[in-house]
Amino acid sequence: MAKSPAYFRLGAFLLPPQPERGQLWRHRDAVHAESRVERTVPVAARGRARARVRGRWRAGGRATPALVAVAVLVALTALVELVVRAAHVAPFVFPPPSMVLRELADGPGLFARHAMYTLYEAGAGLVVAAAAALIFAAAALHSRFLDRVLTPFVVVSQTIPVIALAPLLVLWIGYGALPRVIVCALIAFFPMAVMTLQGFRSTDPQLLTLLRSVNASSWDVFWRVRVPGAAPFLAAAFRTGVTLSLVGAVVAEWTGTDRGLGYLVLSANSRMATAQAFAAVLVITLLGLVAYGGAVLLERKICWWNSAAPVGRSYDKKEG
C-alpha cells in the first residue's frame, strides 16, 4: 500500500536530523589526522617510557609481597597477643606470643642443639630418598617390566602409616639415628620418585630419535639428554623432599630418642611447658622456610633457563 505524504512528513519530524555527506567525510578526515599524530611519536620513546614503567612495577613487585607477608604476620601476632591476654587464658593452655619469644630468647643454645640433630636426620633422609628415587626412575624408564614390578612397592611405601612404623623400626634396628633417617626417607621418597620419573619421560622424542640415528649409547642419552632435560622436575622434587624430610624427622623423634626438636616438643608437652613447645614449633617452621628458600635459590642457579620470565619480556623483544 502506498504511503501518504503526511506519513513521510511525520517520520521526518520524529527522526533526528541526519548529517550531510560532507560532514561525514570531514569527521573521517579528522579521525585519520589524530591517528597520524599518534603514529608520529617515536617508537623508541614509547619503548623507553614503557620500560621505565615496567622497571618501577618490577622493583615494587619484588618488595611488596614480602612486606605484605611480614605486615600480616605482625598483625596476626598482635591480635593473638591481645585476645589471649584479654581472655585471661592460662599460659599452660595457650601462651601469648610474647611468652613464646621470651622462652626462645632465654634458651637459644637448647633449641640450636636440638635443631642441629633434627637437621642431621632430615638431611640424611633426604639424601637416601633422592638416591632411591633416582634409581627407581632410571630402572622404570629403561625397563617396562621393572616399572610394573616396582611401582606397587613405591605406592605401598606411601600408604604405610609412618607414625605406626616408626616404633617398629626402633624395635628392629635400635635407638640410634638410623630408624629416624629411614622414616625421613620413606616420607620424602614417593613424591621425589614420581617427579623424577616424570621428568625423565618428558624428554623431546625428536631429540631421542636424532641421538639414536647417530648411534648414541643409552648411557650417553640418559646422562647427556634426559638428566639435563629433567632438571626442572628434579629441582621441584628436591623442594618437596626438603620440607617432607624435615617433617619426617620431627615425627620420627616422637618415638625412642632424647634429642631433636620433635623430642623437645613431646617433652615440653609432658611437663605442661606449653611456651617451650610453641617455641620449638616456631624453630621447626623457620627451619622449613629457610630450607625451602635455599632449595629455590639452588633451583634458580641450576635451572636458570626455567625461571619465570618477568612481565613484559616478550613485549621488549618485539620492540627491540
Protein backbone atom coordinates (compact mmCIF):
# COMPACT_ATOMS: atom_id res chain seq x y z
CA MET A 1 0.00 0.00 0.00
CA ALA A 2 1.34 3.40 -0.97
CA LYS A 3 2.18 5.70 1.94
CA SER A 4 0.75 9.24 2.02
CA PRO A 5 2.94 12.39 2.04
CA ALA A 6 1.75 13.04 5.61
CA TYR A 7 3.46 9.78 6.73
CA PHE A 8 6.79 10.97 5.37
CA ARG A 9 6.35 14.39 6.98
CA LEU A 10 5.63 12.72 10.35
CA GLY A 11 8.71 10.48 10.04
CA ALA A 12 10.93 13.41 9.22
CA PHE A 13 9.59 15.16 12.30
CA LEU A 14 10.21 12.22 14.66
CA LEU A 15 13.65 11.12 13.38
CA PRO A 16 16.73 13.16 14.40
CA PRO A 17 18.36 15.20 11.67
CA GLN A 18 20.89 13.18 9.67
CA PRO A 19 24.32 14.65 8.88
CA GLU A 20 25.10 15.56 5.35
CA ARG A 21 27.63 13.57 3.32
CA GLY A 22 30.18 16.37 3.53
CA GLN A 23 30.03 16.38 7.31
CA LEU A 24 30.69 12.62 7.41
CA TRP A 25 33.76 12.97 5.20
CA ARG A 26 35.14 15.82 7.35
CA HIS A 27 34.68 13.72 10.52
CA ARG A 28 36.55 10.82 8.94
CA ASP A 29 39.44 13.08 7.91
CA ALA A 30 39.70 14.43 11.48
CA VAL A 31 39.90 10.92 12.95
CA HIS A 32 42.61 9.91 10.49
CA ALA A 33 44.59 13.05 11.30
CA GLU A 34 44.54 12.23 15.04
CA SER A 35 45.75 8.70 14.38
CA ARG A 36 48.58 10.04 12.18
CA VAL A 37 49.67 12.36 15.01
CA GLU A 38 49.79 9.41 17.42
CA ARG A 39 51.88 7.43 14.94
CA THR A 40 54.42 10.24 14.66
CA VAL A 41 55.55 9.69 18.26
CA PRO A 42 58.93 7.90 18.05
CA VAL A 43 58.72 4.18 18.69
CA ALA A 44 61.91 4.25 20.73
CA ALA A 45 60.48 6.94 23.04
CA ARG A 46 57.36 4.86 23.64
CA GLY A 47 59.53 1.81 24.33
CA ARG A 48 61.68 3.70 26.85
CA ALA A 49 58.61 5.02 28.64
CA ARG A 50 57.09 1.57 28.86
CA ALA A 51 60.41 0.13 30.08
CA ARG A 52 60.58 2.76 32.86
CA VAL A 53 57.04 1.93 33.96
CA ARG A 54 57.74 -1.80 33.93
CA GLY A 55 61.00 -1.30 35.83
CA ARG A 56 59.22 0.62 38.59
CA TRP A 57 56.49 -2.03 38.69
CA ARG A 58 59.01 -4.87 38.97
CA ALA A 59 61.05 -3.15 41.68
CA GLY A 60 57.92 -2.58 43.72
CA GLY A 61 56.54 -6.02 42.90
CA ARG A 62 59.53 -7.81 44.37
CA ALA A 63 59.32 -5.99 47.69
CA THR A 64 55.58 -5.72 48.08
CA PRO A 65 54.72 -9.41 48.69
CA ALA A 66 57.41 -9.77 51.35
CA LEU A 67 56.33 -6.57 53.09
CA VAL A 68 52.70 -7.62 52.97
CA ALA A 69 53.54 -11.06 54.40
CA VAL A 70 55.54 -9.51 57.24
CA ALA A 71 52.79 -6.99 57.96
CA VAL A 72 50.13 -9.72 58.04
CA LEU A 73 52.31 -11.86 60.35
CA VAL A 74 52.90 -8.97 62.74
CA ALA A 75 49.19 -8.07 62.73
CA LEU A 76 48.13 -11.66 63.45
CA THR A 77 50.73 -11.95 66.23
CA ALA A 78 49.49 -8.75 67.84
CA LEU A 79 45.88 -9.87 67.50
CA VAL A 80 46.62 -13.22 69.17
CA GLU A 81 48.51 -11.43 71.94
CA LEU A 82 45.57 -9.12 72.62
CA VAL A 83 42.96 -11.88 72.51
CA VAL A 84 44.91 -14.23 74.80
CA ARG A 85 45.59 -11.53 77.38
CA ALA A 86 42.08 -10.09 77.21
CA ALA A 87 40.52 -13.52 77.68
CA HIS A 88 42.94 -14.33 80.55
CA VAL A 89 43.86 -17.67 79.01
CA ALA A 90 46.16 -19.76 81.20
CA PRO A 91 49.74 -19.86 79.87
CA PHE A 92 49.85 -23.67 80.01
CA VAL A 93 46.77 -23.77 77.74
CA PHE A 94 47.75 -21.16 75.16
CA PRO A 95 50.73 -18.91 75.93
CA PRO A 96 50.82 -15.42 74.39
CA PRO A 97 53.34 -14.90 71.58
CA SER A 98 55.47 -12.64 73.78
CA MET A 99 55.98 -15.51 76.22
CA VAL A 100 56.96 -17.85 73.38
CA LEU A 101 59.53 -15.37 72.08
CA ARG A 102 60.87 -14.85 75.58
CA GLU A 103 61.23 -18.61 76.01
CA LEU A 104 63.14 -18.75 72.73
CA ALA A 105 65.40 -15.87 73.75
CA ASP A 106 66.16 -17.34 77.19
CA GLY A 107 67.48 -20.66 75.86
CA PRO A 108 68.87 -20.27 72.32
CA GLY A 109 71.54 -22.89 72.93
CA LEU A 110 68.96 -25.53 73.85
CA PHE A 111 66.96 -25.00 70.67
CA ALA A 112 70.09 -24.78 68.49
CA ARG A 113 71.43 -28.08 69.86
CA HIS A 114 68.19 -29.94 69.20
CA ALA A 115 67.78 -28.24 65.81
CA MET A 116 71.19 -29.47 64.63
CA TYR A 117 70.25 -33.05 65.44
CA THR A 118 66.94 -32.70 63.59
CA LEU A 119 68.69 -31.19 60.57
CA TYR A 120 71.18 -34.06 60.53
CA GLU A 121 68.38 -36.64 60.42
CA ALA A 122 66.42 -34.71 57.79
CA GLY A 123 69.49 -34.21 55.59
CA ALA A 124 70.48 -37.87 55.75
CA GLY A 125 66.93 -38.96 54.99
CA LEU A 126 66.76 -36.55 52.05
CA VAL A 127 69.96 -37.98 50.56
CA VAL A 128 68.68 -41.54 50.91
CA ALA A 129 65.30 -40.63 49.40
CA ALA A 130 66.92 -38.79 46.47
CA ALA A 131 69.23 -41.71 45.69
CA ALA A 132 66.37 -44.23 45.89
CA ALA A 133 64.13 -42.03 43.71
CA LEU A 134 66.86 -41.68 41.07
CA ILE A 135 67.50 -45.44 40.99
CA PHE A 136 63.79 -46.25 40.74
CA ALA A 137 63.18 -43.69 37.99
CA ALA A 138 66.16 -44.90 35.94
CA ALA A 139 65.09 -48.55 36.28
CA ALA A 140 61.45 -47.83 35.45
CA LEU A 141 62.49 -45.70 32.48
CA HIS A 142 64.67 -48.36 30.83
CA SER A 143 62.52 -51.39 31.59
CA ARG A 144 58.76 -51.60 31.35
CA PHE A 145 58.89 -54.86 33.30
CA LEU A 146 60.70 -53.20 36.21
CA ASP A 147 58.27 -50.31 36.03
CA ARG A 148 55.31 -52.64 36.53
CA VAL A 149 57.08 -54.59 39.27
CA LEU A 150 58.46 -51.66 41.30
CA THR A 151 55.56 -49.21 41.05
CA PRO A 152 53.29 -51.12 43.50
CA PHE A 153 56.08 -51.15 46.10
CA VAL A 154 56.56 -47.40 45.64
CA VAL A 155 52.84 -46.82 46.22
CA VAL A 156 52.89 -49.08 49.28
CA SER A 157 55.74 -47.04 50.75
CA GLN A 158 53.43 -44.02 50.68
CA THR A 159 50.33 -45.73 52.05
CA ILE A 160 52.01 -47.22 55.14
CA PRO A 161 51.31 -45.02 58.21
CA VAL A 162 54.77 -43.87 59.17
CA ILE A 163 53.74 -42.96 62.70
CA ALA A 164 52.90 -46.63 63.25
CA LEU A 165 56.04 -47.88 61.50
CA ALA A 166 58.48 -45.73 63.48
CA PRO A 167 58.21 -47.69 66.79
CA LEU A 168 58.70 -50.94 64.89
CA LEU A 169 61.86 -49.61 63.27
CA VAL A 170 63.18 -48.67 66.69
CA LEU A 171 62.38 -52.18 67.91
CA TRP A 172 64.07 -53.83 64.93
CA ILE A 173 67.11 -51.57 64.47
CA GLY A 174 67.67 -49.88 67.81
CA TYR A 175 67.64 -46.39 69.31
CA GLY A 176 70.22 -44.84 67.03
CA ALA A 177 69.66 -42.30 64.27
CA LEU A 178 69.12 -44.92 61.56
CA PRO A 179 65.40 -45.58 62.25
CA ARG A 180 64.65 -41.86 62.06
CA VAL A 181 66.65 -41.49 58.85
CA ILE A 182 64.60 -44.32 57.33
CA VAL A 183 61.36 -42.60 58.37
CA CYS A 184 62.52 -39.35 56.74
CA ALA A 185 63.43 -41.22 53.56
CA LEU A 186 60.07 -43.02 53.44
CA ILE A 187 58.12 -39.78 53.75
CA ALA A 188 60.15 -37.92 51.10
CA PHE A 189 60.69 -40.81 48.68
CA PHE A 190 57.30 -41.12 46.94
CA PRO A 191 56.87 -37.55 45.57
CA MET A 192 60.53 -37.40 44.61
CA ALA A 193 60.30 -40.70 42.72
CA VAL A 194 57.15 -39.69 40.84
CA MET A 195 58.54 -36.28 39.82
CA THR A 196 61.90 -37.74 38.78
CA LEU A 197 60.33 -40.39 36.58
CA GLN A 198 58.01 -37.82 35.02
CA GLY A 199 60.99 -35.60 34.27
CA PHE A 200 62.90 -38.40 32.57
CA ARG A 201 59.86 -39.22 30.44
CA SER A 202 59.39 -35.60 29.35
CA THR A 203 62.39 -35.62 27.01
CA ASP A 204 61.67 -34.44 23.46
CA PRO A 205 61.02 -37.56 21.31
CA GLN A 206 62.55 -35.90 18.26
CA LEU A 207 65.78 -35.35 20.15
CA LEU A 208 65.86 -39.00 21.18
CA THR A 209 65.30 -40.05 17.56
CA LEU A 210 68.17 -37.83 16.46
CA LEU A 211 70.51 -39.36 19.01
CA ARG A 212 69.54 -42.89 18.02
CA SER A 213 70.25 -42.01 14.41
CA VAL A 214 73.88 -41.26 15.30
CA ASN A 215 74.16 -44.49 17.34
CA ALA A 216 74.39 -42.78 20.74
CA SER A 217 74.53 -45.23 23.64
CA SER A 218 71.79 -45.44 26.25
CA TRP A 219 74.22 -44.19 28.87
CA ASP A 220 75.01 -41.06 26.87
CA VAL A 221 71.34 -40.43 26.13
CA PHE A 222 70.49 -40.73 29.82
CA TRP A 223 73.22 -38.53 31.30
CA ARG A 224 73.61 -36.03 28.47
CA VAL A 225 69.97 -35.58 27.48
CA ARG A 226 67.45 -37.00 29.91
CA VAL A 227 69.05 -35.79 33.14
CA PRO A 228 69.64 -32.19 31.96
CA GLY A 229 66.18 -32.09 30.40
CA ALA A 230 64.61 -33.29 33.65
CA ALA A 231 66.44 -30.69 35.75
CA PRO A 232 63.28 -28.62 36.46
CA PHE A 233 61.46 -31.75 37.62
CA LEU A 234 64.43 -32.78 39.75
CA ALA A 235 64.52 -29.33 41.33
CA ALA A 236 60.80 -29.50 42.11
CA ALA A 237 61.32 -32.94 43.64
CA PHE A 238 64.15 -31.56 45.77
CA ARG A 239 61.99 -28.67 47.00
CA THR A 240 59.29 -31.12 48.02
CA GLY A 241 61.69 -33.56 49.63
CA VAL A 242 63.38 -30.84 51.72
CA THR A 243 60.19 -29.97 53.57
CA LEU A 244 58.90 -33.54 53.84
CA SER A 245 62.17 -34.87 55.25
CA LEU A 246 62.05 -32.23 57.96
CA VAL A 247 58.52 -33.29 58.86
CA GLY A 248 59.64 -36.92 58.89
CA ALA A 249 62.49 -36.13 61.27
CA VAL A 250 60.15 -34.43 63.74
CA VAL A 251 57.65 -37.29 63.58
CA ALA A 252 60.37 -39.91 64.00
CA GLU A 253 61.73 -38.13 67.07
CA TRP A 254 58.47 -38.78 68.89
CA THR A 255 59.50 -42.41 69.27
CA GLY A 256 62.55 -43.53 71.20
CA THR A 257 65.03 -40.65 71.32
CA ASP A 258 66.27 -37.98 73.71
CA ARG A 259 67.36 -35.38 71.16
CA GLY A 260 65.77 -33.30 68.40
CA LEU A 261 63.05 -30.72 68.12
CA GLY A 262 60.36 -33.39 67.96
CA TYR A 263 61.57 -34.80 71.27
CA LEU A 264 61.66 -31.27 72.71
CA VAL A 265 58.01 -30.70 71.75
CA LEU A 266 56.96 -34.01 73.26
CA SER A 267 58.95 -33.41 76.43
CA ALA A 268 57.57 -29.90 76.87
CA ASN A 269 54.01 -31.15 76.47
CA SER A 270 54.53 -33.80 79.13
CA ARG A 271 55.80 -31.11 81.54
CA MET A 272 53.00 -28.66 80.64
CA ALA A 273 55.67 -26.25 79.36
CA THR A 274 53.48 -25.06 76.53
CA ALA A 275 55.57 -21.97 75.79
CA GLN A 276 58.63 -24.14 75.19
CA ALA A 277 56.62 -26.45 72.94
CA PHE A 278 55.42 -23.47 70.89
CA ALA A 279 58.99 -22.15 70.69
CA ALA A 280 60.17 -25.50 69.33
CA VAL A 281 57.37 -25.48 66.76
CA LEU A 282 58.43 -21.95 65.76
CA VAL A 283 62.01 -23.14 65.25
CA ILE A 284 60.77 -26.05 63.11
CA THR A 285 58.75 -23.63 60.99
CA LEU A 286 61.71 -21.31 60.50
CA LEU A 287 63.94 -24.23 59.53
CA GLY A 288 61.39 -25.34 56.95
CA LEU A 289 61.19 -21.85 55.46
CA VAL A 290 64.96 -21.50 55.29
CA ALA A 291 65.37 -24.97 53.76
CA TYR A 292 62.71 -24.29 51.13
CA GLY A 293 64.23 -20.90 50.31
CA GLY A 294 67.65 -22.50 49.88
CA ALA A 295 66.15 -25.10 47.55
CA VAL A 296 64.52 -22.35 45.48
CA LEU A 297 67.82 -20.43 45.19
CA LEU A 298 69.61 -23.61 44.15
CA GLU A 299 66.96 -24.24 41.51
CA ARG A 300 67.43 -20.75 40.10
CA LYS A 301 71.17 -21.28 39.85
CA ILE A 302 70.94 -24.69 38.20
CA CYS A 303 67.77 -24.24 36.10
CA TRP A 304 68.34 -20.60 35.18
CA TRP A 305 66.59 -21.04 31.82
CA ASN A 306 63.43 -22.28 33.52
CA SER A 307 62.89 -19.23 35.73
CA ALA A 308 59.65 -17.36 35.17
CA ALA A 309 60.09 -14.52 32.67
CA PRO A 310 59.35 -11.05 34.07
CA VAL A 311 56.27 -9.31 32.88
CA GLY A 312 56.85 -7.62 29.56
CA ARG A 313 59.85 -9.73 28.48
CA SER A 314 58.19 -10.80 25.23
CA TYR A 315 56.98 -7.24 24.66
CA ASP A 316 60.53 -5.93 24.92
CA LYS A 317 61.68 -8.41 22.31
CA LYS A 318 59.04 -7.20 19.92
CA GLU A 319 60.10 -3.60 20.39
CA GLY A 320 63.86 -4.29 20.13
